[in-house]
């Protein structure tokens, strides 16, 4: 199983922005890099996390559950690093 904090952070950003482009802009990386990171995370976990259409990005049920579990921890890590 893939355990990559950076990938989880990218996933959380995509979930928050509901957009690969907006997440990429916020993270300062390319949209392709965000897409590849999400793809590798999904492959590593063996489950789809993000629903992609030509007009929108949403989360699967598994994606919503993962975000609910990792969101608070990522926020605490970010706050600790900011301090």
PDB file of N, CA and C in Angstrom:
ATOM      1  N   UNK A   1       0.845  -1.180   0.000  1.00  0.00           N
ATOM      2  CA  UNK A   1       0.000   0.000   0.000  1.00  0.00           C
ATOM      3  C   UNK A   1       0.889   1.241   0.000  1.00  0.00           C
ATOM      4  N   UNK A   2       0.475   2.193  -0.762  1.00  0.00           N
ATOM      5  CA  UNK A   2       1.227   3.433  -0.879  1.00  0.00           C
ATOM      6  C   UNK A   2       0.958   4.324   0.324  1.00  0.00           C
ATOM      7  N   UNK A   3       2.031   4.759   0.945  1.00  0.00           N
ATOM      8  CA  UNK A   3       1.884   5.702   2.062  1.00  0.00           C
ATOM      9  C   UNK A   3       2.791   6.892   1.782  1.00  0.00           C
ATOM     10  N   UNK A   4       2.247   7.870   1.121  1.00  0.00           N
ATOM     11  CA  UNK A   4       3.006   9.015   0.674  1.00  0.00           C
ATOM     12  C   UNK A   4       2.289  10.284   1.144  1.00  0.00           C
ATOM     13  N   UNK A   5       2.886  10.969   2.107  1.00  0.00           N
ATOM     14  CA  UNK A   5       2.271  12.166   2.672  1.00  0.00           C
ATOM     15  C   UNK A   5       2.065  13.250   1.613  1.00  0.00           C
ATOM     16  N   UNK A   6       3.014  13.390   0.688  1.00  0.00           N
ATOM     17  CA  UNK A   6       2.856  14.383  -0.376  1.00  0.00           C
ATOM     18  C   UNK A   6       1.642  14.062  -1.245  1.00  0.00           C
ATOM     19  N   UNK A   7       1.469  12.793  -1.586  1.00  0.00           N
ATOM     20  CA  UNK A   7       0.322  12.393  -2.412  1.00  0.00           C
ATOM     21  C   UNK A   7      -0.984  12.648  -1.679  1.00  0.00           C
ATOM     22  N   UNK A   8      -1.007  12.382  -0.387  1.00  0.00           N
ATOM     23  CA  UNK A   8      -2.216  12.641   0.393  1.00  0.00           C
ATOM     24  C   UNK A   8      -2.509  14.139   0.460  1.00  0.00           C
ATOM     25  N   UNK A   9      -1.471  14.937   0.542  1.00  0.00           N
ATOM     26  CA  UNK A   9      -1.641  16.381   0.552  1.00  0.00           C
ATOM     27  C   UNK A   9      -2.193  16.871  -0.791  1.00  0.00           C
ATOM     28  N   UNK A  10      -1.684  16.327  -1.885  1.00  0.00           N
ATOM     29  CA  UNK A  10      -2.188  16.682  -3.214  1.00  0.00           C
ATOM     30  C   UNK A  10      -3.653  16.260  -3.334  1.00  0.00           C
ATOM     31  N   UNK A  11      -3.967  15.061  -2.876  1.00  0.00           N
ATOM     32  CA  UNK A  11      -5.359  14.590  -2.895  1.00  0.00           C
ATOM     33  C   UNK A  11      -6.258  15.553  -2.124  1.00  0.00           C
ATOM     34  N   UNK A  12      -5.847  15.957  -0.950  1.00  0.00           N
ATOM     35  CA  UNK A  12      -6.646  16.873  -0.136  1.00  0.00           C
ATOM     36  C   UNK A  12      -6.847  18.206  -0.851  1.00  0.00           C
ATOM     37  N   UNK A  13      -5.831  18.671  -1.544  1.00  0.00           N
ATOM     38  CA  UNK A  13      -5.928  19.930  -2.272  1.00  0.00           C
ATOM     39  C   UNK A  13      -6.916  19.811  -3.436  1.00  0.00           C
ATOM     40  N   UNK A  14      -6.846  18.703  -4.164  1.00  0.00           N
ATOM     41  CA  UNK A  14      -7.796  18.459  -5.259  1.00  0.00           C
ATOM     42  C   UNK A  14      -9.209  18.397  -4.708  1.00  0.00           C
ATOM     43  N   UNK A  15      -9.378  17.714  -3.593  1.00  0.00           N
ATOM     44  CA  UNK A  15     -10.697  17.596  -2.970  1.00  0.00           C
ATOM     45  C   UNK A  15     -11.232  18.958  -2.540  1.00  0.00           C
ATOM     46  N   UNK A  16     -10.372  19.771  -1.974  1.00  0.00           N
ATOM     47  CA  UNK A  16     -10.790  21.102  -1.516  1.00  0.00           C
ATOM     48  C   UNK A  16     -11.145  22.004  -2.686  1.00  0.00           C
ATOM     49  N   UNK A  17     -10.315  21.984  -3.715  1.00  0.00           N
ATOM     50  CA  UNK A  17     -10.514  22.868  -4.871  1.00  0.00           C
ATOM     51  C   UNK A  17     -11.560  22.332  -5.848  1.00  0.00           C
ATOM     52  N   UNK A  18     -11.787  21.003  -5.814  1.00  0.00           N
ATOM     53  CA  UNK A  18     -12.673  20.335  -6.783  1.00  0.00           C
ATOM     54  C   UNK A  18     -12.208  20.592  -8.210  1.00  0.00           C
ATOM     55  N   UNK A  19     -10.874  20.699  -8.358  1.00  0.00           N
ATOM     56  CA  UNK A  19     -10.287  21.002  -9.659  1.00  0.00           C
ATOM     57  C   UNK A  19      -8.818  20.618  -9.658  1.00  0.00           C
ATOM     58  N   UNK A  20      -8.401  19.908 -10.695  1.00  0.00           N
ATOM     59  CA  UNK A  20      -6.982  19.587 -10.837  1.00  0.00           C
ATOM     60  C   UNK A  20      -6.199  20.853 -11.155  1.00  0.00           C
ATOM     61  N   UNK A  21      -6.746  21.702 -12.007  1.00  0.00           N
ATOM     62  CA  UNK A  21      -6.059  22.935 -12.399  1.00  0.00           C
ATOM     63  C   UNK A  21      -5.868  23.866 -11.205  1.00  0.00           C
ATOM     64  N   UNK A  22      -6.920  24.086 -10.429  1.00  0.00           N
ATOM     65  CA  UNK A  22      -6.818  24.979  -9.271  1.00  0.00           C
ATOM     66  C   UNK A  22      -5.864  24.406  -8.230  1.00  0.00           C
ATOM     67  N   UNK A  23      -5.912  23.104  -8.027  1.00  0.00           N
ATOM     68  CA  UNK A  23      -4.985  22.478  -7.073  1.00  0.00           C
ATOM     69  C   UNK A  23      -3.549  22.636  -7.553  1.00  0.00           C
ATOM     70  N   UNK A  24      -3.327  22.430  -8.850  1.00  0.00           N
ATOM     71  CA  UNK A  24      -1.979  22.576  -9.409  1.00  0.00           C
ATOM     72  C   UNK A  24      -1.480  24.008  -9.236  1.00  0.00           C
ATOM     73  N   UNK A  25      -2.342  24.972  -9.521  1.00  0.00           N
ATOM     74  CA  UNK A  25      -1.957  26.377  -9.361  1.00  0.00           C
ATOM     75  C   UNK A  25      -1.600  26.683  -7.912  1.00  0.00           C
ATOM     76  N   UNK A  26      -2.399  26.200  -7.001  1.00  0.00           N
ATOM     77  CA  UNK A  26      -2.163  26.462  -5.578  1.00  0.00           C
ATOM     78  C   UNK A  26      -0.877  25.797  -5.084  1.00  0.00           C
ATOM     79  N   UNK A  27      -0.588  24.603  -5.631  1.00  0.00           N
ATOM     80  CA  UNK A  27       0.607  23.866  -5.219  1.00  0.00           C
ATOM     81  C   UNK A  27       1.858  24.286  -5.991  1.00  0.00           C
ATOM     82  N   UNK A  28       1.673  25.037  -7.070  1.00  0.00           N
ATOM     83  CA  UNK A  28       2.812  25.481  -7.868  1.00  0.00           C
ATOM     84  C   UNK A  28       3.420  24.370  -8.721  1.00  0.00           C
ATOM     85  N   UNK A  29       2.578  23.454  -9.182  1.00  0.00           N
ATOM     86  CA  UNK A  29       3.026  22.358 -10.039  1.00  0.00           C
ATOM     87  C   UNK A  29       2.122  22.297 -11.261  1.00  0.00           C
ATOM     88  N   UNK A  30       2.435  21.410 -12.190  1.00  0.00           N
ATOM     89  CA  UNK A  30       1.609  21.289 -13.381  1.00  0.00           C
ATOM     90  C   UNK A  30       0.365  20.454 -13.098  1.00  0.00           C
ATOM     91  N   UNK A  31      -0.643  20.652 -13.933  1.00  0.00           N
ATOM     92  CA  UNK A  31      -1.862  19.851 -13.816  1.00  0.00           C
ATOM     93  C   UNK A  31      -1.553  18.376 -14.055  1.00  0.00           C
ATOM     94  N   UNK A  32      -0.617  18.116 -14.953  1.00  0.00           N
ATOM     95  CA  UNK A  32      -0.207  16.743 -15.234  1.00  0.00           C
ATOM     96  C   UNK A  32       0.419  16.092 -14.001  1.00  0.00           C
ATOM     97  N   UNK A  33       1.225  16.843 -13.271  1.00  0.00           N
ATOM     98  CA  UNK A  33       1.844  16.306 -12.053  1.00  0.00           C
ATOM     99  C   UNK A  33       0.784  15.952 -11.017  1.00  0.00           C
ATOM    100  N   UNK A  34      -0.224  16.792 -10.882  1.00  0.00           N
ATOM    101  CA  UNK A  34      -1.310  16.514  -9.937  1.00  0.00           C
ATOM    102  C   UNK A  34      -2.058  15.261 -10.378  1.00  0.00           C
ATOM    103  N   UNK A  35      -2.385  15.181 -11.649  1.00  0.00           N
ATOM    104  CA  UNK A  35      -3.119  14.031 -12.174  1.00  0.00           C
ATOM    105  C   UNK A  35      -2.339  12.733 -11.966  1.00  0.00           C
ATOM    106  N   UNK A  36      -1.043  12.769 -12.252  1.00  0.00           N
ATOM    107  CA  UNK A  36      -0.206  11.573 -12.077  1.00  0.00           C
ATOM    108  C   UNK A  36      -0.110  11.183 -10.602  1.00  0.00           C
ATOM    109  N   UNK A  37      -0.012  12.156  -9.731  1.00  0.00           N
ATOM    110  CA  UNK A  37       0.058  11.866  -8.292  1.00  0.00           C
ATOM    111  C   UNK A  37      -1.225  11.190  -7.817  1.00  0.00           C
ATOM    112  N   UNK A  38      -2.364  11.710  -8.250  1.00  0.00           N
ATOM    113  CA  UNK A  38      -3.642  11.116  -7.860  1.00  0.00           C
ATOM    114  C   UNK A  38      -3.765   9.705  -8.436  1.00  0.00           C
ATOM    115  N   UNK A  39      -3.357   9.521  -9.676  1.00  0.00           N
ATOM    116  CA  UNK A  39      -3.417   8.202 -10.304  1.00  0.00           C
ATOM    117  C   UNK A  39      -2.564   7.199  -9.532  1.00  0.00           C
ATOM    118  N   UNK A  40      -1.339   7.591  -9.167  1.00  0.00           N
ATOM    119  CA  UNK A  40      -0.458   6.693  -8.404  1.00  0.00           C
ATOM    120  C   UNK A  40      -1.048   6.384  -7.022  1.00  0.00           C
ATOM    121  N   UNK A  41      -1.635   7.375  -6.382  1.00  0.00           N
ATOM    122  CA  UNK A  41      -2.256   7.152  -5.079  1.00  0.00           C
ATOM    123  C   UNK A  41      -3.398   6.151  -5.206  1.00  0.00           C
ATOM    124  N   UNK A  42      -4.248   6.338  -6.209  1.00  0.00           N
ATOM    125  CA  UNK A  42      -5.364   5.425  -6.420  1.00  0.00           C
ATOM    126  C   UNK A  42      -4.870   4.014  -6.734  1.00  0.00           C
ATOM    127  N   UNK A  43      -3.843   3.914  -7.554  1.00  0.00           N
ATOM    128  CA  UNK A  43      -3.281   2.598  -7.876  1.00  0.00           C
ATOM    129  C   UNK A  43      -2.691   1.940  -6.635  1.00  0.00           C
ATOM    130  N   UNK A  44      -1.998   2.708  -5.838  1.00  0.00           N
ATOM    131  CA  UNK A  44      -1.378   2.176  -4.633  1.00  0.00           C
ATOM    132  C   UNK A  44      -2.406   1.689  -3.617  1.00  0.00           C
ATOM    133  N   UNK A  45      -3.517   2.410  -3.541  1.00  0.00           N
ATOM    134  CA  UNK A  45      -4.577   2.030  -2.610  1.00  0.00           C
ATOM    135  C   UNK A  45      -5.520   0.991  -3.210  1.00  0.00           C
ATOM    136  N   UNK A  46      -5.503   0.888  -4.534  1.00  0.00           N
ATOM    137  CA  UNK A  46      -6.368  -0.071  -5.209  1.00  0.00           C
ATOM    138  C   UNK A  46      -7.830   0.337  -5.244  1.00  0.00           C
ATOM    139  N   UNK A  47      -8.079   1.654  -5.223  1.00  0.00           N
ATOM    140  CA  UNK A  47      -9.461   2.144  -5.216  1.00  0.00           C
ATOM    141  C   UNK A  47      -9.515   3.538  -5.837  1.00  0.00           C
ATOM    142  N   UNK A  48     -10.614   3.826  -6.513  1.00  0.00           N
ATOM    143  CA  UNK A  48     -10.810   5.160  -7.087  1.00  0.00           C
ATOM    144  C   UNK A  48     -11.184   6.139  -5.977  1.00  0.00           C
ATOM    145  N   UNK A  49     -10.550   7.284  -5.986  1.00  0.00           N
ATOM    146  CA  UNK A  49     -10.823   8.322  -4.992  1.00  0.00           C
ATOM    147  C   UNK A  49     -11.510   9.539  -5.608  1.00  0.00           C
ATOM    148  N   UNK A  50     -11.224   9.769  -6.887  1.00  0.00           N
ATOM    149  CA  UNK A  50     -11.684  10.981  -7.561  1.00  0.00           C
ATOM    150  C   UNK A  50     -12.523  10.610  -8.776  1.00  0.00           C
ATOM    151  N   UNK A  51     -13.664  11.275  -8.912  1.00  0.00           N
ATOM    152  CA  UNK A  51     -14.509  11.143 -10.100  1.00  0.00           C
ATOM    153  C   UNK A  51     -14.153  12.281 -11.040  1.00  0.00           C
ATOM    154  N   UNK A  52     -13.701  11.943 -12.239  1.00  0.00           N
ATOM    155  CA  UNK A  52     -13.274  12.950 -13.196  1.00  0.00           C
ATOM    156  C   UNK A  52     -14.266  13.009 -14.357  1.00  0.00           C
ATOM    157  N   UNK A  53     -14.702  14.190 -14.685  1.00  0.00           N
ATOM    158  CA  UNK A  53     -15.463  14.392 -15.906  1.00  0.00           C
ATOM    159  C   UNK A  53     -14.812  15.560 -16.639  1.00  0.00           C
ATOM    160  N   UNK A  54     -15.273  15.842 -17.840  1.00  0.00           N
ATOM    161  CA  UNK A  54     -14.680  16.945 -18.590  1.00  0.00           C
ATOM    162  C   UNK A  54     -14.966  18.297 -17.955  1.00  0.00           C
ATOM    163  N   UNK A  55     -16.015  18.360 -17.123  1.00  0.00           N
ATOM    164  CA  UNK A  55     -16.399  19.643 -16.539  1.00  0.00           C
ATOM    165  C   UNK A  55     -16.198  19.762 -15.041  1.00  0.00           C
ATOM    166  N   UNK A  56     -16.008  18.656 -14.362  1.00  0.00           N
ATOM    167  CA  UNK A  56     -15.904  18.755 -12.908  1.00  0.00           C
ATOM    168  C   UNK A  56     -15.096  17.611 -12.314  1.00  0.00           C
ATOM    169  N   UNK A  57     -14.715  17.809 -11.066  1.00  0.00           N
ATOM    170  CA  UNK A  57     -14.006  16.803 -10.290  1.00  0.00           C
ATOM    171  C   UNK A  57     -14.772  16.630  -8.990  1.00  0.00           C
ATOM    172  N   UNK A  58     -15.037  15.399  -8.641  1.00  0.00           N
ATOM    173  CA  UNK A  58     -15.715  15.098  -7.391  1.00  0.00           C
ATOM    174  C   UNK A  58     -15.008  13.940  -6.717  1.00  0.00           C
ATOM    175  N   UNK A  59     -15.478  13.573  -5.564  1.00  0.00           N
ATOM    176  CA  UNK A  59     -14.879  12.466  -4.831  1.00  0.00           C
ATOM    177  C   UNK A  59     -15.817  11.272  -4.832  1.00  0.00           C
ATOM    178  N   UNK A  60     -15.232  10.098  -4.881  1.00  0.00           N
ATOM    179  CA  UNK A  60     -16.005   8.883  -4.696  1.00  0.00           C
ATOM    180  C   UNK A  60     -16.340   8.768  -3.216  1.00  0.00           C
ATOM    181  N   UNK A  61     -17.143   7.785  -2.884  1.00  0.00           N
ATOM    182  CA  UNK A  61     -17.457   7.552  -1.470  1.00  0.00           C
ATOM    183  C   UNK A  61     -16.174   7.257  -0.690  1.00  0.00           C
ATOM    184  N   UNK A  62     -15.286   6.467  -1.302  1.00  0.00           N
ATOM    185  CA  UNK A  62     -14.001   6.157  -0.658  1.00  0.00           C
ATOM    186  C   UNK A  62     -13.154   7.419  -0.518  1.00  0.00           C
ATOM    187  N   UNK A  63     -13.203   8.281  -1.520  1.00  0.00           N
ATOM    188  CA  UNK A  63     -12.459   9.542  -1.458  1.00  0.00           C
ATOM    189  C   UNK A  63     -12.967  10.437  -0.348  1.00  0.00           C
ATOM    190  N   UNK A  64     -14.286  10.514  -0.205  1.00  0.00           N
ATOM    191  CA  UNK A  64     -14.878  11.313   0.879  1.00  0.00           C
ATOM    192  C   UNK A  64     -14.462  10.762   2.242  1.00  0.00           C
ATOM    193  N   UNK A  65     -14.477   9.442   2.375  1.00  0.00           N
ATOM    194  CA  UNK A  65     -14.106   8.821   3.645  1.00  0.00           C
ATOM    195  C   UNK A  65     -12.636   9.069   3.970  1.00  0.00           C
ATOM    196  N   UNK A  66     -11.772   8.927   2.966  1.00  0.00           N
ATOM    197  CA  UNK A  66     -10.347   9.167   3.180  1.00  0.00           C
ATOM    198  C   UNK A  66     -10.100  10.612   3.574  1.00  0.00           C
ATOM    199  N   UNK A  67     -10.732  11.538   2.870  1.00  0.00           N
ATOM    200  CA  UNK A  67     -10.549  12.958   3.184  1.00  0.00           C
ATOM    201  C   UNK A  67     -10.992  13.268   4.613  1.00  0.00           C
ATOM    202  N   UNK A  68     -12.103  12.689   5.033  1.00  0.00           N
ATOM    203  CA  UNK A  68     -12.588  12.917   6.401  1.00  0.00           C
ATOM    204  C   UNK A  68     -11.586  12.428   7.438  1.00  0.00           C
ATOM    205  N   UNK A  69     -10.874  11.362   7.112  1.00  0.00           N
ATOM    206  CA  UNK A  69      -9.916  10.809   8.069  1.00  0.00           C
ATOM    207  C   UNK A  69      -8.570  11.536   8.053  1.00  0.00           C
ATOM    208  N   UNK A  70      -8.108  11.948   6.868  1.00  0.00           N
ATOM    209  CA  UNK A  70      -6.774  12.565   6.797  1.00  0.00           C
ATOM    210  C   UNK A  70      -6.807  14.082   6.921  1.00  0.00           C
ATOM    211  N   UNK A  71      -7.952  14.689   6.655  1.00  0.00           N
ATOM    212  CA  UNK A  71      -8.039  16.154   6.673  1.00  0.00           C
ATOM    213  C   UNK A  71      -7.561  16.784   7.963  1.00  0.00           C
ATOM    214  N   UNK A  72      -8.071  16.349   9.109  1.00  0.00           N
ATOM    215  CA  UNK A  72      -7.626  16.948  10.370  1.00  0.00           C
ATOM    216  C   UNK A  72      -6.126  16.749  10.631  1.00  0.00           C
ATOM    217  N   UNK A  73      -5.613  15.584  10.297  1.00  0.00           N
ATOM    218  CA  UNK A  73      -4.179  15.326  10.520  1.00  0.00           C
ATOM    219  C   UNK A  73      -3.318  16.221   9.631  1.00  0.00           C
ATOM    220  N   UNK A  74      -3.710  16.383   8.374  1.00  0.00           N
ATOM    221  CA  UNK A  74      -2.945  17.261   7.479  1.00  0.00           C
ATOM    222  C   UNK A  74      -3.004  18.704   7.953  1.00  0.00           C
ATOM    223  N   UNK A  75      -4.153  19.134   8.458  1.00  0.00           N
ATOM    224  CA  UNK A  75      -4.277  20.488   8.989  1.00  0.00           C
ATOM    225  C   UNK A  75      -3.368  20.695  10.191  1.00  0.00           C
ATOM    226  N   UNK A  76      -3.287  19.689  11.060  1.00  0.00           N
ATOM    227  CA  UNK A  76      -2.410  19.787  12.230  1.00  0.00           C
ATOM    228  C   UNK A  76      -0.942  19.823  11.813  1.00  0.00           C
ATOM    229  N   UNK A  77      -0.565  19.031  10.840  1.00  0.00           N
ATOM    230  CA  UNK A  77       0.817  19.022  10.349  1.00  0.00           C
ATOM    231  C   UNK A  77       1.166  20.383   9.761  1.00  0.00           C
ATOM    232  N   UNK A  78       0.273  20.921   8.951  1.00  0.00           N
ATOM    233  CA  UNK A  78       0.503  22.241   8.335  1.00  0.00           C
ATOM    234  C   UNK A  78       0.642  23.314   9.409  1.00  0.00           C
ATOM    235  N   UNK A  79      -0.219  23.283  10.398  1.00  0.00           N
ATOM    236  CA  UNK A  79      -0.160  24.269  11.480  1.00  0.00           C
ATOM    237  C   UNK A  79       1.145  24.143  12.262  1.00  0.00           C
ATOM    238  N   UNK A  80       1.568  22.918  12.525  1.00  0.00           N
ATOM    239  CA  UNK A  80       2.825  22.702  13.248  1.00  0.00           C
ATOM    240  C   UNK A  80       4.006  23.243  12.454  1.00  0.00           C
ATOM    241  N   UNK A  81       3.999  23.020  11.162  1.00  0.00           N
ATOM    242  CA  UNK A  81       5.118  23.504  10.334  1.00  0.00           C
ATOM    243  C   UNK A  81       5.096  25.019  10.234  1.00  0.00           C
ATOM    244  N   UNK A  82       3.896  25.614  10.212  1.00  0.00           N
ATOM    245  CA  UNK A  82       3.789  27.074  10.158  1.00  0.00           C
ATOM    246  C   UNK A  82       4.295  27.726  11.452  1.00  0.00           C
ATOM    247  N   UNK A  83       4.113  27.015  12.573  1.00  0.00           N
ATOM    248  CA  UNK A  83       4.580  27.561  13.864  1.00  0.00           C
ATOM    249  C   UNK A  83       6.079  27.484  13.918  1.00  0.00           C
TER     250      UNK A  83
END
